[in-house]
C-alpha atoms as a PDB file:
ATOM      1  CA  MET A   1      15.535  20.742 -10.790  1.00  0.00           C
ATOM      2  CA  LYS A   2      13.388  21.258  -7.698  1.00  0.00           C
ATOM      3  CA  ILE A   3      12.141  18.231  -5.758  1.00  0.00           C
ATOM      4  CA  SER A   4       9.780  18.384  -2.774  1.00  0.00           C
ATOM      5  CA  ILE A   5      10.189  15.730  -0.079  1.00  0.00           C
ATOM      6  CA  TYR A   6       7.439  15.250   2.509  1.00  0.00           C
ATOM      7  CA  GLY A   7       9.220  12.833   4.811  1.00  0.00           C
ATOM      8  CA  ASP A   8       8.720  11.700   8.376  1.00  0.00           C
ATOM      9  CA  ARG A   9      10.767  10.319  11.252  1.00  0.00           C
ATOM     10  CA  PHE A  10      10.970   6.894   9.624  1.00  0.00           C
ATOM     11  CA  MET A  11      11.194   7.635   5.895  1.00  0.00           C
ATOM     12  CA  LYS A  12      13.412  10.630   6.537  1.00  0.00           C
ATOM     13  CA  ALA A  13      13.720  13.398   3.975  1.00  0.00           C
ATOM     14  CA  ASP A  14      17.504  13.346   4.340  1.00  0.00           C
ATOM     15  CA  ILE A  15      17.605   9.671   3.317  1.00  0.00           C
ATOM     16  CA  PHE A  16      15.459  10.363   0.265  1.00  0.00           C
ATOM     17  CA  GLU A  17      17.776  13.220  -0.651  1.00  0.00           C
ATOM     18  CA  GLU A  18      20.881  11.054  -0.180  1.00  0.00           C
ATOM     19  CA  VAL A  19      19.594   8.211  -2.352  1.00  0.00           C
ATOM     20  CA  ILE A  20      18.074  10.425  -5.060  1.00  0.00           C
ATOM     21  CA  SER A  21      21.226  12.534  -5.278  1.00  0.00           C
ATOM     22  CA  LYS A  22      23.324   9.416  -5.926  1.00  0.00           C
ATOM     23  CA  LYS A  23      20.875   8.085  -8.491  1.00  0.00           C
ATOM     24  CA  LEU A  24      20.549  11.449 -10.292  1.00  0.00           C
ATOM     25  CA  ASN A  25      24.162  12.592  -9.897  1.00  0.00           C
ATOM     26  CA  SER A  26      24.198  14.236 -13.333  1.00  0.00           C
ATOM     27  CA  TYR A  27      21.286  16.541 -12.455  1.00  0.00           C
ATOM     28  CA  ASP A  28      21.393  19.889 -10.697  1.00  0.00           C
ATOM     29  CA  LEU A  29      19.013  19.200  -7.824  1.00  0.00           C
ATOM     30  CA  ASP A  30      17.381  21.538  -5.334  1.00  0.00           C
ATOM     31  CA  PHE A  31      15.433  19.900  -2.493  1.00  0.00           C
ATOM     32  CA  LEU A  32      12.613  21.378  -0.440  1.00  0.00           C
ATOM     33  CA  LYS A  33      12.286  19.069   2.571  1.00  0.00           C
ATOM     34  CA  LYS A  34      10.100  18.485   5.576  1.00  0.00           C
ATOM     35  CA  ASP A  35       9.834  15.687   8.155  1.00  0.00           C
ATOM     36  CA  ILE A  36       6.469  15.313   9.876  1.00  0.00           C
ATOM     37  CA  GLU A  37       6.123  13.927  13.410  1.00  0.00           C
ATOM     38  CA  TRP A  38       5.010  10.391  12.544  1.00  0.00           C
ATOM     39  CA  PRO A  39       5.590   7.825  14.032  1.00  0.00           C
ATOM     40  CA  ASP A  40       5.951   9.758  17.286  1.00  0.00           C
ATOM     41  CA  GLY A  41       2.375  10.827  16.635  1.00  0.00           C
ATOM     42  CA  PRO A  42      -0.173   8.443  15.019  1.00  0.00           C
ATOM     43  CA  PHE A  43      -1.359   8.835  11.441  1.00  0.00           C
ATOM     44  CA  HIS A  44      -5.044   9.106  10.529  1.00  0.00           C
ATOM     45  CA  ASN A  45      -5.843   5.396  10.325  1.00  0.00           C
ATOM     46  CA  ASP A  46      -9.257   5.433   8.638  1.00  0.00           C
ATOM     47  CA  TYR A  47     -10.754   7.411   5.769  1.00  0.00           C
ATOM     48  CA  GLY A  48     -11.056  11.093   6.594  1.00  0.00           C
ATOM     49  CA  LYS A  49     -13.963  13.479   6.263  1.00  0.00           C
ATOM     50  CA  ASP A  50     -14.948  16.021   3.614  1.00  0.00           C
ATOM     51  CA  ASN A  51     -11.964  16.555   1.261  1.00  0.00           C
ATOM     52  CA  PHE A  52     -10.134  13.611   2.879  1.00  0.00           C
ATOM     53  CA  SER A  53     -12.889  11.025   2.365  1.00  0.00           C
ATOM     54  CA  LYS A  54     -10.926   9.105  -0.291  1.00  0.00           C
ATOM     55  CA  VAL A  55      -7.614   8.795   1.566  1.00  0.00           C
ATOM     56  CA  LYS A  56      -6.485   7.089   4.773  1.00  0.00           C
ATOM     57  CA  GLU A  57      -3.297   6.287   6.681  1.00  0.00           C
ATOM     58  CA  TYR A  58      -2.055   9.830   6.191  1.00  0.00           C
ATOM     59  CA  PHE A  59      -0.432  12.461   8.378  1.00  0.00           C
ATOM     60  CA  GLY A  60      -0.770  16.197   7.914  1.00  0.00           C
ATOM     61  CA  THR A  61      -3.093  18.865   6.595  1.00  0.00           C
ATOM     62  CA  GLU A  62      -3.807  20.438   3.246  1.00  0.00           C
ATOM     63  CA  GLU A  63      -1.644  23.399   4.260  1.00  0.00           C
ATOM     64  CA  ASP A  64       1.247  21.118   5.209  1.00  0.00           C
ATOM     65  CA  VAL A  65       1.309  19.528   1.762  1.00  0.00           C
ATOM     66  CA  VAL A  66       0.804  22.700  -0.262  1.00  0.00           C
ATOM     67  CA  SER A  67       3.538  24.507   1.662  1.00  0.00           C
ATOM     68  CA  ILE A  68       6.156  21.854   0.847  1.00  0.00           C
ATOM     69  CA  VAL A  69       5.195  21.185  -2.790  1.00  0.00           C
ATOM     70  CA  LYS A  70       4.578  24.788  -3.848  1.00  0.00           C
ATOM     71  CA  ASP A  71       5.241  25.110  -7.602  1.00  0.00           C
ATOM     72  CA  ASN A  72       7.385  21.985  -7.904  1.00  0.00           C
ATOM     73  CA  GLU A  73       6.746  19.226 -10.425  1.00  0.00           C
ATOM     74  CA  ILE A  74       7.985  16.360  -8.227  1.00  0.00           C
ATOM     75  CA  LEU A  75       6.829  15.180  -4.800  1.00  0.00           C
ATOM     76  CA  ILE A  76       8.447  12.325  -2.878  1.00  0.00           C
ATOM     77  CA  THR A  77       6.522  11.168   0.188  1.00  0.00           C
ATOM     78  CA  ASP A  78       5.474   8.405   2.514  1.00  0.00           C
ATOM     79  CA  LEU A  79       2.359   9.697   4.276  1.00  0.00           C
ATOM     80  CA  ALA A  80       1.328  12.999   2.689  1.00  0.00           C
ATOM     81  CA  PRO A  81      -2.431  13.128   2.052  1.00  0.00           C
ATOM     82  CA  ILE A  82      -2.973  13.817  -1.657  1.00  0.00           C
ATOM     83  CA  THR A  83      -6.601  14.704  -2.287  1.00  0.00           C
ATOM     84  CA  GLU A  84      -8.376  16.253  -5.257  1.00  0.00           C
ATOM     85  CA  ALA A  85      -8.651  19.528  -3.352  1.00  0.00           C
ATOM     86  CA  ILE A  86      -4.911  19.550  -2.703  1.00  0.00           C
ATOM     87  CA  ILE A  87      -4.124  18.686  -6.323  1.00  0.00           C
ATOM     88  CA  GLU A  88      -6.207  21.651  -7.475  1.00  0.00           C
ATOM     89  CA  LYS A  89      -3.833  23.910  -5.542  1.00  0.00           C
ATOM     90  CA  LEU A  90      -0.731  22.313  -7.101  1.00  0.00           C
ATOM     91  CA  PRO A  91      -1.076  22.893 -10.876  1.00  0.00           C
ATOM     92  CA  ASN A  92       2.587  22.080 -11.605  1.00  0.00           C
ATOM     93  CA  LEU A  93       2.628  18.723  -9.793  1.00  0.00           C
ATOM     94  CA  LYS A  94       3.252  15.940 -12.325  1.00  0.00           C
ATOM     95  CA  PHE A  95       5.059  13.143 -10.442  1.00  0.00           C
ATOM     96  CA  ILE A  96       4.446  11.559  -7.023  1.00  0.00           C
ATOM     97  CA  GLY A  97       6.747   8.885  -5.650  1.00  0.00           C
ATOM     98  CA  VAL A  98       5.094   7.307  -2.603  1.00  0.00           C
ATOM     99  CA  SER A  99       7.340   4.944  -0.693  1.00  0.00           C
ATOM    100  CA  ARG A 100       4.641   2.453   0.294  1.00  0.00           C
ATOM    101  CA  GLY A 101       3.236  -0.779  -1.009  1.00  0.00           C
ATOM    102  CA  GLY A 102      -0.364   0.351  -0.706  1.00  0.00           C
ATOM    103  CA  PRO A 103      -0.547   4.120  -1.338  1.00  0.00           C
ATOM    104  CA  VAL A 104      -3.944   4.586   0.305  1.00  0.00           C
ATOM    105  CA  ASN A 105      -3.003   8.143   1.253  1.00  0.00           C
ATOM    106  CA  ILE A 106      -3.162   9.112  -2.427  1.00  0.00           C
ATOM    107  CA  ASP A 107      -6.409   9.757  -4.326  1.00  0.00           C
ATOM    108  CA  ILE A 108      -5.389   7.797  -7.411  1.00  0.00           C
ATOM    109  CA  ASP A 109      -8.523   8.728  -9.385  1.00  0.00           C
ATOM    110  CA  ALA A 110      -7.791  12.418  -8.857  1.00  0.00           C
ATOM    111  CA  CYS A 111      -4.200  11.872  -9.993  1.00  0.00           C
ATOM    112  CA  LYS A 112      -5.389  10.133 -13.151  1.00  0.00           C
ATOM    113  CA  LYS A 113      -7.837  12.940 -13.830  1.00  0.00           C
ATOM    114  CA  ASN A 114      -5.016  15.489 -13.578  1.00  0.00           C
ATOM    115  CA  ASN A 115      -2.407  13.459 -15.501  1.00  0.00           C
ATOM    116  CA  ILE A 116      -0.154  13.022 -12.476  1.00  0.00           C
ATOM    117  CA  THR A 117       2.181  10.042 -12.573  1.00  0.00           C
ATOM    118  CA  VAL A 118       2.236   7.990  -9.362  1.00  0.00           C
ATOM    119  CA  VAL A 119       4.789   5.293  -8.543  1.00  0.00           C
ATOM    120  CA  ASN A 120       5.104   3.254  -5.364  1.00  0.00           C
ATOM    121  CA  ALA A 121       7.391   0.762  -3.607  1.00  0.00           C
ATOM    122  CA  PRO A 122       5.619  -2.615  -3.477  1.00  0.00           C
ATOM    123  CA  GLY A 123       6.991  -5.064  -0.960  1.00  0.00           C
ATOM    124  CA  ARG A 124       9.166  -2.389   0.622  1.00  0.00           C
ATOM    125  CA  ASN A 125       8.956  -3.922   4.085  1.00  0.00           C
ATOM    126  CA  ALA A 126       8.337  -7.560   3.158  1.00  0.00           C
ATOM    127  CA  SER A 127      11.665  -8.669   4.594  1.00  0.00           C
ATOM    128  CA  ALA A 128      11.171  -6.739   7.829  1.00  0.00           C
ATOM    129  CA  VAL A 129       7.605  -7.963   8.394  1.00  0.00           C
ATOM    130  CA  ALA A 130       8.563 -11.555   7.595  1.00  0.00           C
ATOM    131  CA  GLU A 131      11.374 -11.532  10.163  1.00  0.00           C
ATOM    132  CA  PHE A 132       9.078  -9.955  12.728  1.00  0.00           C
ATOM    133  CA  THR A 133       6.425 -12.585  12.032  1.00  0.00           C
ATOM    134  CA  ILE A 134       8.840 -15.410  12.808  1.00  0.00           C
ATOM    135  CA  ALA A 135       9.841 -13.651  16.037  1.00  0.00           C
ATOM    136  CA  SER A 136       6.154 -13.209  16.920  1.00  0.00           C
ATOM    137  CA  ILE A 137       5.393 -16.882  16.341  1.00  0.00           C
ATOM    138  CA  LEU A 138       8.304 -17.991  18.513  1.00  0.00           C
ATOM    139  CA  SER A 139       7.423 -15.481  21.232  1.00  0.00           C
ATOM    140  CA  GLU A 140       4.122 -17.283  21.686  1.00  0.00           C
ATOM    141  CA  THR A 141       4.852 -20.918  20.846  1.00  0.00           C
ATOM    142  CA  ARG A 142       8.085 -21.022  22.900  1.00  0.00           C
ATOM    143  CA  LEU A 143       6.694 -18.947  25.788  1.00  0.00           C
ATOM    144  CA  VAL A 144       9.213 -16.134  25.348  1.00  0.00           C
ATOM    145  CA  THR A 145       6.647 -13.473  26.257  1.00  0.00           C
ATOM    146  CA  LYS A 146       5.412 -15.365  29.324  1.00  0.00           C
ATOM    147  CA  GLY A 147       8.961 -15.918  30.527  1.00  0.00           C
ATOM    148  CA  HIS A 148       9.962 -12.309  29.931  1.00  0.00           C
ATOM    149  CA  GLN A 149       6.928 -10.864  31.684  1.00  0.00           C
ATOM    150  CA  SER A 150       7.419 -13.113  34.705  1.00  0.00           C
ATOM    151  CA  MET A 151      11.025 -11.936  35.067  1.00  0.00           C
ATOM    152  CA  ILE A 152       9.955  -8.286  34.817  1.00  0.00           C
ATOM    153  CA  ASN A 153       7.404  -8.977  37.541  1.00  0.00           C
ATOM    154  CA  GLY A 154      10.090 -10.380  39.840  1.00  0.00           C
ATOM    155  CA  GLU A 155       9.039 -14.027  39.374  1.00  0.00           C
ATOM    156  CA  TRP A 156      10.966 -17.124  38.334  1.00  0.00           C
ATOM    157  CA  ARG A 157       8.583 -19.255  36.249  1.00  0.00           C
ATOM    158  CA  GLY A 158      10.379 -22.567  36.511  1.00  0.00           C
ATOM    159  CA  ASP A 159       7.025 -24.199  35.833  1.00  0.00           C
ATOM    160  CA  LEU A 160       7.333 -23.123  32.184  1.00  0.00           C
ATOM    161  CA  TYR A 161       9.722 -26.090  31.846  1.00  0.00           C
ATOM    162  CA  ARG A 162       6.975 -28.554  32.785  1.00  0.00           C
ATOM    163  CA  PHE A 163       5.890 -31.052  30.138  1.00  0.00           C
ATOM    164  CA  ASP A 164       2.252 -29.981  30.409  1.00  0.00           C
ATOM    165  CA  ILE A 165       3.069 -26.274  30.043  1.00  0.00           C
ATOM    166  CA  THR A 166       6.137 -25.863  27.843  1.00  0.00           C
ATOM    167  CA  GLY A 167       5.907 -25.042  24.155  1.00  0.00           C
ATOM    168  CA  ARG A 168       6.369 -27.035  20.982  1.00  0.00           C
ATOM    169  CA  GLU A 169       9.048 -26.580  18.352  1.00  0.00           C
ATOM    170  CA  LEU A 170       8.176 -25.256  14.925  1.00  0.00           C
ATOM    171  CA  SER A 171       9.283 -28.539  13.381  1.00  0.00           C
ATOM    172  CA  GLU A 172       6.263 -30.163  15.051  1.00  0.00           C
ATOM    173  CA  LEU A 173       3.738 -27.608  13.869  1.00  0.00           C
ATOM    174  CA  THR A 174       1.616 -26.767  10.847  1.00  0.00           C
ATOM    175  CA  VAL A 175       1.747 -23.072   9.998  1.00  0.00           C
ATOM    176  CA  GLY A 176      -1.030 -21.606   7.859  1.00  0.00           C
ATOM    177  CA  LEU A 177      -0.393 -18.407   5.911  1.00  0.00           C
ATOM    178  CA  VAL A 178      -3.453 -16.344   4.979  1.00  0.00           C
ATOM    179  CA  GLY A 179      -2.346 -14.146   2.069  1.00  0.00           C
ATOM    180  CA  TYR A 180       0.583 -15.228  -0.090  1.00  0.00           C
ATOM    181  CA  SER A 181       2.048 -12.204  -1.825  1.00  0.00           C
ATOM    182  CA  HIS A 182       5.339 -10.432  -1.030  1.00  0.00           C
ATOM    183  CA  ILE A 183       5.204 -10.895   2.734  1.00  0.00           C
ATOM    184  CA  GLY A 184       3.495 -14.276   2.851  1.00  0.00           C
ATOM    185  CA  LYS A 185       6.149 -15.795   0.600  1.00  0.00           C
ATOM    186  CA  ARG A 186       8.975 -14.198   2.595  1.00  0.00           C
ATOM    187  CA  VAL A 187       7.535 -15.782   5.733  1.00  0.00           C
ATOM    188  CA  ARG A 188       7.444 -19.099   3.894  1.00  0.00           C
ATOM    189  CA  ASP A 189      11.106 -18.762   2.946  1.00  0.00           C
ATOM    190  CA  LEU A 190      12.082 -18.170   6.569  1.00  0.00           C
ATOM    191  CA  LEU A 191       9.889 -21.003   7.859  1.00  0.00           C
ATOM    192  CA  ILE A 192      11.222 -23.684   5.512  1.00  0.00           C
ATOM    193  CA  PRO A 193      14.513 -24.253   7.430  1.00  0.00           C
ATOM    194  CA  PHE A 194      12.547 -24.853  10.654  1.00  0.00           C
ATOM    195  CA  GLY A 195      11.027 -27.963   9.097  1.00  0.00           C
ATOM    196  CA  CYS A 196       7.395 -27.117   9.843  1.00  0.00           C
ATOM    197  CA  LYS A 197       4.498 -28.046   7.611  1.00  0.00           C
ATOM    198  CA  ILE A 198       3.431 -24.974   5.622  1.00  0.00           C
ATOM    199  CA  ILE A 199       0.027 -24.428   4.028  1.00  0.00           C
ATOM    200  CA  PHE A 200      -1.447 -21.274   2.532  1.00  0.00           C
ATOM    201  CA  THR A 201      -4.675 -19.812   1.250  1.00  0.00           C
ATOM    202  CA  ASP A 202      -4.945 -17.031  -1.327  1.00  0.00           C
ATOM    203  CA  PRO A 203      -7.521 -16.933  -4.142  1.00  0.00           C
ATOM    204  CA  PHE A 204      -5.122 -15.044  -6.415  1.00  0.00           C
ATOM    205  CA  VAL A 205      -1.937 -17.101  -6.022  1.00  0.00           C
ATOM    206  CA  GLU A 206      -1.012 -20.535  -7.331  1.00  0.00           C
ATOM    207  CA  LYS A 207       1.804 -22.764  -6.078  1.00  0.00           C
ATOM    208  CA  ASP A 208       5.270 -21.964  -7.416  1.00  0.00           C
ATOM    209  CA  GLU A 209       8.360 -24.153  -7.764  1.00  0.00           C
ATOM    210  CA  ILE A 210       9.491 -23.488  -4.191  1.00  0.00           C
ATOM    211  CA  ASP A 211       6.093 -24.628  -2.926  1.00  0.00           C
ATOM    212  CA  LYS A 212       6.211 -27.796  -4.995  1.00  0.00           C
ATOM    213  CA  LYS A 213       9.765 -28.605  -3.909  1.00  0.00           C
ATOM    214  CA  ASN A 214       8.891 -28.232  -0.214  1.00  0.00           C
ATOM    215  CA  ASN A 215       5.507 -29.976  -0.252  1.00  0.00           C
ATOM    216  CA  ILE A 216       3.667 -26.737   0.565  1.00  0.00           C
ATOM    217  CA  GLU A 217      -0.077 -26.971   0.006  1.00  0.00           C
ATOM    218  CA  ARG A 218      -2.591 -24.437  -1.276  1.00  0.00           C
ATOM    219  CA  VAL A 219      -5.834 -25.061   0.606  1.00  0.00           C
ATOM    220  CA  SER A 220      -9.177 -23.408   1.290  1.00  0.00           C
ATOM    221  CA  LYS A 221      -9.503 -20.963   4.140  1.00  0.00           C
ATOM    222  CA  GLU A 222     -11.685 -23.456   5.989  1.00  0.00           C
ATOM    223  CA  GLU A 223      -9.146 -26.262   5.689  1.00  0.00           C
ATOM    224  CA  LEU A 224      -6.306 -23.993   6.726  1.00  0.00           C
ATOM    225  CA  LEU A 225      -8.133 -22.994   9.910  1.00  0.00           C
ATOM    226  CA  SER A 226      -8.884 -26.586  10.889  1.00  0.00           C
ATOM    227  CA  ARG A 227      -5.340 -27.867  10.259  1.00  0.00           C
ATOM    228  CA  SER A 228      -3.052 -25.074  11.419  1.00  0.00           C
ATOM    229  CA  ASP A 229      -1.340 -24.885  14.797  1.00  0.00           C
ATOM    230  CA  VAL A 230      -0.358 -21.318  13.905  1.00  0.00           C
ATOM    231  CA  VAL A 231      -2.399 -19.019  11.650  1.00  0.00           C
ATOM    232  CA  SER A 232      -0.496 -15.987  10.355  1.00  0.00           C
ATOM    233  CA  LEU A 233      -2.374 -13.197   8.596  1.00  0.00           C
ATOM    234  CA  HIS A 234      -0.822 -11.435   5.572  1.00  0.00           C
ATOM    235  CA  ALA A 235      -3.792 -10.127   3.577  1.00  0.00           C
ATOM    236  CA  ARG A 236      -4.464  -6.576   2.402  1.00  0.00           C
ATOM    237  CA  VAL A 237      -7.350  -4.524   3.729  1.00  0.00           C
ATOM    238  CA  THR A 238     -10.163  -4.182   1.196  1.00  0.00           C
ATOM    239  CA  LYS A 239     -13.922  -3.912   1.554  1.00  0.00           C
ATOM    240  CA  GLU A 240     -14.019  -7.694   1.142  1.00  0.00           C
ATOM    241  CA  THR A 241     -11.403  -8.423   3.811  1.00  0.00           C
ATOM    242  CA  GLU A 242     -12.563  -6.107   6.601  1.00  0.00           C
ATOM    243  CA  LYS A 243     -13.304  -8.258   9.667  1.00  0.00           C
ATOM    244  CA  PHE A 244     -11.922 -11.138   7.586  1.00  0.00           C
ATOM    245  CA  PHE A 245     -11.231 -12.926  10.854  1.00  0.00           C
ATOM    246  CA  ALA A 246     -14.275 -12.838  13.139  1.00  0.00           C
ATOM    247  CA  GLY A 247     -16.200 -15.213  15.402  1.00  0.00           C
ATOM    248  CA  PRO A 248     -16.715 -18.049  12.896  1.00  0.00           C
ATOM    249  CA  GLU A 249     -13.064 -18.050  11.806  1.00  0.00           C
ATOM    250  CA  PHE A 250     -11.707 -18.148  15.356  1.00  0.00           C
ATOM    251  CA  SER A 251     -14.202 -20.833  16.347  1.00  0.00           C
ATOM    252  CA  ASN A 252     -13.102 -22.945  13.383  1.00  0.00           C
ATOM    253  CA  MET A 253      -9.431 -22.668  14.254  1.00  0.00           C
ATOM    254  CA  LYS A 254      -7.776 -25.708  15.760  1.00  0.00           C
ATOM    255  CA  LYS A 255      -8.148 -25.820  19.553  1.00  0.00           C
ATOM    256  CA  HIS A 256      -5.065 -24.464  21.365  1.00  0.00           C
ATOM    257  CA  SER A 257      -3.686 -22.889  18.178  1.00  0.00           C
ATOM    258  CA  TYR A 258      -2.066 -19.465  17.863  1.00  0.00           C
ATOM    259  CA  PHE A 259      -3.110 -16.403  15.869  1.00  0.00           C
ATOM    260  CA  ILE A 260      -0.554 -13.939  14.454  1.00  0.00           C
ATOM    261  CA  ASN A 261      -1.411 -10.548  12.940  1.00  0.00           C
ATOM    262  CA  THR A 262       1.424  -8.464  11.524  1.00  0.00           C
ATOM    263  CA  ALA A 263      -0.805  -7.220   8.679  1.00  0.00           C
ATOM    264  CA  ARG A 264      -3.562  -4.709   9.452  1.00  0.00           C
ATOM    265  CA  GLY A 265      -5.992  -4.194  12.328  1.00  0.00           C
ATOM    266  CA  PRO A 266      -9.224  -3.812  10.304  1.00  0.00           C
ATOM    267  CA  LEU A 267      -8.823  -7.404   9.097  1.00  0.00           C
ATOM    268  CA  VAL A 268      -9.757  -8.691  12.543  1.00  0.00           C
ATOM    269  CA  ASP A 269     -12.778  -8.591  14.838  1.00  0.00           C
ATOM    270  CA  TYR A 270     -10.842  -8.043  18.060  1.00  0.00           C
ATOM    271  CA  ASP A 271     -13.842  -8.629  20.318  1.00  0.00           C
ATOM    272  CA  ALA A 272     -14.205 -12.117  18.846  1.00  0.00           C
ATOM    273  CA  LEU A 273     -10.462 -12.715  19.186  1.00  0.00           C
ATOM    274  CA  LEU A 274     -10.594 -11.594  22.807  1.00  0.00           C
ATOM    275  CA  ASP A 275     -13.413 -14.063  23.556  1.00  0.00           C
ATOM    276  CA  ASN A 276     -11.442 -16.959  22.088  1.00  0.00           C
ATOM    277  CA  LEU A 277      -8.283 -16.020  23.987  1.00  0.00           C
ATOM    278  CA  LYS A 278     -10.156 -15.723  27.273  1.00  0.00           C
ATOM    279  CA  SER A 279     -11.953 -19.024  26.809  1.00  0.00           C
ATOM    280  CA  GLY A 280      -8.713 -20.882  26.101  1.00  0.00           C
ATOM    281  CA  HIS A 281      -9.863 -22.002  22.664  1.00  0.00           C
ATOM    282  CA  LEU A 282      -6.780 -20.207  21.355  1.00  0.00           C
ATOM    283  CA  SER A 283      -3.567 -20.689  23.308  1.00  0.00           C
ATOM    284  CA  GLY A 284      -2.257 -17.279  22.369  1.00  0.00           C
ATOM    285  CA  ALA A 285      -1.895 -14.468  19.876  1.00  0.00           C
ATOM    286  CA  ALA A 286       0.857 -12.145  18.712  1.00  0.00           C
ATOM    287  CA  LEU A 287      -0.579  -8.834  17.535  1.00  0.00           C
ATOM    288  CA  ASP A 288       1.250  -5.919  15.959  1.00  0.00           C
ATOM    289  CA  THR A 289      -1.779  -4.119  14.507  1.00  0.00           C
ATOM    290  CA  PHE A 290      -5.155  -3.229  15.986  1.00  0.00           C
ATOM    291  CA  ASP A 291      -8.571  -1.909  14.993  1.00  0.00           C
ATOM    292  CA  ILE A 292      -7.875   1.146  17.166  1.00  0.00           C
ATOM    293  CA  GLU A 293      -4.400   2.668  17.073  1.00  0.00           C
ATOM    294  CA  PRO A 294      -2.846   3.636  19.383  1.00  0.00           C
ATOM    295  CA  LEU A 295      -4.300   0.790  21.446  1.00  0.00           C
ATOM    296  CA  PRO A 296      -6.053   2.386  24.461  1.00  0.00           C
ATOM    297  CA  GLY A 297      -4.265   1.980  27.775  1.00  0.00           C
ATOM    298  CA  ASN A 298      -7.283   0.244  29.330  1.00  0.00           C
ATOM    299  CA  HIS A 299      -7.904  -2.129  26.407  1.00  0.00           C
ATOM    300  CA  PRO A 300      -8.739  -5.653  27.671  1.00  0.00           C
ATOM    301  CA  LEU A 301      -6.055  -7.198  25.458  1.00  0.00           C
ATOM    302  CA  ARG A 302      -3.477  -5.545  27.700  1.00  0.00           C
ATOM    303  CA  LYS A 303      -4.755  -7.564  30.650  1.00  0.00           C
ATOM    304  CA  LEU A 304      -4.233 -11.004  29.095  1.00  0.00           C
ATOM    305  CA  ASP A 305      -1.205 -13.191  29.827  1.00  0.00           C
ATOM    306  CA  ASN A 306      -1.390 -15.151  26.564  1.00  0.00           C
ATOM    307  CA  VAL A 307      -0.675 -12.357  24.094  1.00  0.00           C
ATOM    308  CA  THR A 308       2.396 -10.667  22.632  1.00  0.00           C
ATOM    309  CA  LEU A 309       1.534  -7.052  21.840  1.00  0.00           C
ATOM    310  CA  THR A 310       3.698  -4.626  19.843  1.00  0.00           C
ATOM    311  CA  PRO A 311       2.894  -1.080  18.601  1.00  0.00           C
ATOM    312  CA  HIS A 312       2.678  -1.620  14.805  1.00  0.00           C
ATOM    313  CA  ILE A 313       6.430  -1.889  14.244  1.00  0.00           C
ATOM    314  CA  ALA A 314       6.748  -5.075  12.173  1.00  0.00           C
ATOM    315  CA  GLY A 315       7.628  -3.137   9.018  1.00  0.00           C
ATOM    316  CA  ALA A 316      10.179  -0.872  10.654  1.00  0.00           C
ATOM    317  CA  SER A 317      13.830  -1.536   9.777  1.00  0.00           C
ATOM    318  CA  ILE A 318      16.749   0.468   8.446  1.00  0.00           C
ATOM    319  CA  LYS A 319      16.792  -1.746   5.354  1.00  0.00           C
ATOM    320  CA  THR A 320      13.163  -0.871   4.624  1.00  0.00           C
ATOM    321  CA  VAL A 321      13.956   2.842   4.525  1.00  0.00           C
ATOM    322  CA  TYR A 322      16.859   2.552   2.109  1.00  0.00           C
ATOM    323  CA  TYR A 323      15.153  -0.061  -0.072  1.00  0.00           C
ATOM    324  CA  ALA A 324      12.012   2.079  -0.471  1.00  0.00           C
ATOM    325  CA  ALA A 325      14.074   5.184  -1.249  1.00  0.00           C
ATOM    326  CA  GLU A 326      16.063   3.242  -3.866  1.00  0.00           C
ATOM    327  CA  VAL A 327      12.901   1.971  -5.551  1.00  0.00           C
ATOM    328  CA  ILE A 328      11.404   5.462  -5.754  1.00  0.00           C
ATOM    329  CA  ALA A 329      14.677   7.017  -6.938  1.00  0.00           C
ATOM    330  CA  GLU A 330      14.959   4.462  -9.740  1.00  0.00           C
ATOM    331  CA  ASP A 331      11.506   5.274 -11.080  1.00  0.00           C
ATOM    332  CA  LEU A 332      12.106   9.005 -10.696  1.00  0.00           C
ATOM    333  CA  LYS A 333      15.137   8.593 -12.930  1.00  0.00           C
ATOM    334  CA  ASN A 334      13.056   6.583 -15.401  1.00  0.00           C
ATOM    335  CA  TYR A 335      10.418   9.313 -15.407  1.00  0.00           C
ATOM    336  CA  LEU A 336      12.937  12.064 -16.106  1.00  0.00           C
ATOM    337  CA  GLU A 337      14.553  10.041 -18.882  1.00  0.00           C
ATOM    338  CA  ASN A 338      11.224   9.014 -20.464  1.00  0.00           C
ATOM    339  CA  LYS A 339      11.861   5.335 -19.784  1.00  0.00           C
ATOM    340  CA  LYS A 340       9.374   2.674 -18.744  1.00  0.00           C
ATOM    341  CA  LEU A 341       8.393   2.966 -15.092  1.00  0.00           C
ATOM    342  CA  ILE A 342       8.855  -0.152 -12.969  1.00  0.00           C
ATOM    343  CA  ASN A 343       6.146   0.462 -10.351  1.00  0.00           C
ATOM    344  CA  LYS A 344       3.710   2.789 -12.073  1.00  0.00           C
ATOM    345  CA  ILE A 345       0.226   3.040 -10.577  1.00  0.00           C
ATOM    346  CA  CYS A 346      -1.068   5.693 -12.944  1.00  0.00           C
END
């Protein structure tokens, strides 16, 4: 059985092959593999043009995809762009396993039209992003970033120990989670031992038993902004959530609070965020994603001393790679054995 793997330098083709081979050890497998340059080079962040107008967050060309899939029935990928035009050139393609939670690089309507089965890996990096979120919060609230940068600059910021400057412990704070699916709930689980007050807003999620046990409240977005010392964003990007956080939201946040974004850049109006950081209305922000990626070298955010900036790496961990490969391999086995698929999209 021939399997095409369009990997990259994170979701490596060799890892896919290793995991799939173990899962399908009774099959005679032949792999056609390729690793693209991402993340050393950025993917196409927004919707493309012409044939690529229905896909985003992809890396590669039509020729790249066609050359690796060829006449094979099965494609395993992370970032391959799958458009209707590409599908038309791959008449034997019947199964796509995409190792992402939101497979926005796949034209799902075109796959449905051509009877191609698509499975994904929801929550693949929930654990990684949740851990990173906690680190991001602490980097700002406990002045880790300020202290680190001062040391790099040859300074000794003893003043960071002053009562009027030093940070507050999480046990004193209210943390508001905007979006409460896989990642939001993982963040909750990690926050509970710190003893902070946790509130969340999500129109599609009700409180569960863990929430009830730990006195976690579901509130409106407006109430969350006014009460939270830390606001952490965990929503998906949709037409409704683009610029979900803009001038009014930042203005309504509690004075001297912190904003954390380990979700997606298009959710945020960064000009409005910049204004509120400069004015001191917000004490700080930890940002892993941006409206423009890579973030330009002269971007004004880089000049602020009250931000923690990272290059969209919250979801990157070794565990994420193996977990996503396992999830895809399991559904590939189900597909081949005509069993119910766990994470079927179409």
